[in-house]
C-alpha atoms as a PDB file:
ATOM      1  CA  MET A   1       0.036   0.084   0.150  1.00  0.00           C
ATOM      2  CA  ALA A   2       1.661   3.487  -1.101  1.00  0.00           C
ATOM      3  CA  THR A   3       1.575   6.414   1.273  1.00  0.00           C
ATOM      4  CA  THR A   4       1.812   9.856   0.101  1.00  0.00           C
ATOM      5  CA  THR A   5       3.461  12.324   2.081  1.00  0.00           C
ATOM      6  CA  ALA A   6       1.936  16.021   2.472  1.00  0.00           C
ATOM      7  CA  ARG A   7       4.263  18.256   0.426  1.00  0.00           C
ATOM      8  CA  LYS A   8       5.238  20.925   2.912  1.00  0.00           C
ATOM      9  CA  ALA A   9       8.907  21.867   2.141  1.00  0.00           C
ATOM     10  CA  GLU A  10       9.165  25.108  -0.356  1.00  0.00           C
ATOM     11  CA  ILE A  11      11.610  25.835  -3.008  1.00  0.00           C
ATOM     12  CA  LYS A  12      12.047  29.398  -4.459  1.00  0.00           C
ATOM     13  CA  THR A  13      13.287  30.025  -7.751  1.00  0.00           C
ATOM     14  CA  ARG A  14      13.808  32.581 -10.522  1.00  0.00           C
ATOM     15  CA  THR A  15      13.157  32.509 -13.583  1.00  0.00           C
ATOM     16  CA  THR A  16      11.877  34.999 -16.973  1.00  0.00           C
ATOM     17  CA  ASP A  17       8.643  35.271 -17.702  1.00  0.00           C
ATOM     18  CA  GLN A  18       8.766  33.888 -20.777  1.00  0.00           C
ATOM     19  CA  VAL A  19      10.464  30.450 -19.335  1.00  0.00           C
ATOM     20  CA  LYS A  20       8.011  30.066 -16.821  1.00  0.00           C
ATOM     21  CA  ALA A  21       5.150  30.775 -19.567  1.00  0.00           C
ATOM     22  CA  GLU A  22       6.521  28.545 -22.105  1.00  0.00           C
ATOM     23  CA  ALA A  23       6.979  25.590 -19.339  1.00  0.00           C
ATOM     24  CA  THR A  24       3.655  25.846 -17.951  1.00  0.00           C
ATOM     25  CA  SER A  25       2.168  25.277 -21.396  1.00  0.00           C
ATOM     26  CA  VAL A  26       4.613  22.437 -22.344  1.00  0.00           C
ATOM     27  CA  TYR A  27       3.527  20.893 -18.692  1.00  0.00           C
ATOM     28  CA  SER A  28      -0.200  21.851 -18.407  1.00  0.00           C
ATOM     29  CA  ARG A  29      -0.474  19.576 -22.079  1.00  0.00           C
ATOM     30  CA  TRP A  30       0.554  16.624 -19.790  1.00  0.00           C
ATOM     31  CA  GLY A  31      -1.890  17.724 -16.860  1.00  0.00           C
ATOM     32  CA  LEU A  32       0.752  18.691 -14.834  1.00  0.00           C
ATOM     33  CA  SER A  33       1.477  22.107 -12.802  1.00  0.00           C
ATOM     34  CA  LEU A  34       4.718  23.218 -12.764  1.00  0.00           C
ATOM     35  CA  SER A  35       5.264  22.433  -9.041  1.00  0.00           C
ATOM     36  CA  ASP A  36       4.425  18.710 -10.275  1.00  0.00           C
ATOM     37  CA  ALA A  37       7.033  18.885 -13.400  1.00  0.00           C
ATOM     38  CA  ILE A  38       9.697  20.057 -10.912  1.00  0.00           C
ATOM     39  CA  ASN A  39       9.066  17.630  -8.543  1.00  0.00           C
ATOM     40  CA  MET A  40       9.412  15.015 -10.787  1.00  0.00           C
ATOM     41  CA  PHE A  41      12.486  16.580 -12.053  1.00  0.00           C
ATOM     42  CA  LEU A  42      13.872  16.071  -8.196  1.00  0.00           C
ATOM     43  CA  ILE A  43      12.534  12.734  -7.744  1.00  0.00           C
ATOM     44  CA  LYS A  44      14.083  11.721 -10.964  1.00  0.00           C
ATOM     45  CA  SER A  45      17.326  13.176  -9.924  1.00  0.00           C
ATOM     46  CA  ILE A  46      17.473  11.312  -6.759  1.00  0.00           C
ATOM     47  CA  GLU A  47      16.218   8.069  -8.186  1.00  0.00           C
ATOM     48  CA  VAL A  48      19.040   8.467 -11.206  1.00  0.00           C
ATOM     49  CA  GLY A  49      22.063  10.236  -8.953  1.00  0.00           C
ATOM     50  CA  GLY A  50      22.090  13.122 -10.737  1.00  0.00           C
ATOM     51  CA  LEU A  51      20.789  15.441 -13.878  1.00  0.00           C
ATOM     52  CA  PRO A  52      18.001  12.994 -15.140  1.00  0.00           C
ATOM     53  CA  PHE A  53      18.867  13.994 -18.830  1.00  0.00           C
ATOM     54  CA  ASN A  54      22.067  14.136 -21.113  1.00  0.00           C
ATOM     55  CA  LEU A  55      23.583  17.796 -20.883  1.00  0.00           C
ATOM     56  CA  ARG A  56      26.036  16.762 -23.790  1.00  0.00           C
ATOM     57  CA  VAL A  57      25.431  18.948 -27.139  1.00  0.00           C
ATOM     58  CA  GLU A  58      23.797  17.346 -29.999  1.00  0.00           C
ATOM     59  CA  LYS A  59      25.215  17.508 -33.453  1.00  0.00           C
ATOM     60  CA  PRO A  60      23.272  20.001 -35.501  1.00  0.00           C
ATOM     61  CA  SER A  61      21.466  19.252 -38.363  1.00  0.00           C
ATOM     62  CA  TYR A  62      22.049  20.457 -41.974  1.00  0.00           C
ATOM     63  CA  GLU A  63      19.108  22.866 -41.751  1.00  0.00           C
ATOM     64  CA  ALA A  64      20.392  24.119 -38.091  1.00  0.00           C
ATOM     65  CA  ILE A  65      23.687  24.660 -39.772  1.00  0.00           C
ATOM     66  CA  SER A  66      22.082  26.116 -42.958  1.00  0.00           C
ATOM     67  CA  ALA A  67      19.943  28.642 -41.120  1.00  0.00           C
ATOM     68  CA  LYS A  68      23.724  29.976 -40.003  1.00  0.00           C
ATOM     69  CA  ALA A  69      25.470  29.996 -42.749  1.00  0.00           C
ATOM     70  CA  TYR A  70      25.943  32.715 -45.552  1.00  0.00           C
ATOM     71  CA  HIS A  71      23.956  32.912 -48.270  1.00  0.00           C
ATOM     72  CA  ALA A  72      25.143  34.878 -51.037  1.00  0.00           C
ATOM     73  CA  ALA A  73      22.360  36.692 -53.113  1.00  0.00           C
ATOM     74  CA  LEU A  74      21.536  35.194 -56.851  1.00  0.00           C
ATOM     75  CA  ASN A  75      21.884  37.014 -59.713  1.00  0.00           C
ATOM     76  CA  ALA A  76      18.700  37.084 -62.646  1.00  0.00           C
ATOM     77  CA  GLU A  77      20.578  33.835 -63.708  1.00  0.00           C
ATOM     78  CA  GLY A  78      20.575  32.269 -60.317  1.00  0.00           C
ATOM     79  CA  VAL A  79      24.565  32.467 -59.869  1.00  0.00           C
ATOM     80  CA  ALA A  80      25.585  33.945 -56.334  1.00  0.00           C
ATOM     81  CA  VAL A  81      27.157  37.063 -56.500  1.00  0.00           C
ATOM     82  CA  LEU A  82      29.799  37.077 -54.002  1.00  0.00           C
ATOM     83  CA  PRO A  83      30.738  40.268 -51.786  1.00  0.00           C
ATOM     84  CA  ALA A  84      33.081  42.883 -53.675  1.00  0.00           C
ATOM     85  CA  ASP A  85      35.671  42.639 -50.745  1.00  0.00           C
ATOM     86  CA  TRP A  86      35.964  38.551 -51.622  1.00  0.00           C
ATOM     87  CA  ASP A  87      39.352  38.345 -53.658  1.00  0.00           C
ATOM     88  CA  ASP A  88      38.689  35.667 -55.918  1.00  0.00           C
ATOM     89  CA  GLU A  89      41.406  36.003 -58.486  1.00  0.00           C
ATOM     90  CA  ASP A  90      43.957  33.048 -56.717  1.00  0.00           C
ATOM     91  CA  GLU A  91      41.847  30.987 -58.316  1.00  0.00           C
END
């Protein structure tokens, strides 16, 4: 038989209004309050003995790299027009 313990301990934290609103929206889709989600995070952290997720940076997708890459303007024929300060005479 499982017993429940009353939640009496309080944790205060600071975040931005945007982070709070977006996180609240994410967890509300699962029927969870922000308090429930934080408690789940803490309990899972205890179970695994650390952070319950991987902090390694994932390899960016082609789309993510492309979004930050330089995109030359195209002329009427669809050929890239390079910036005038690029020296391409060495080729």
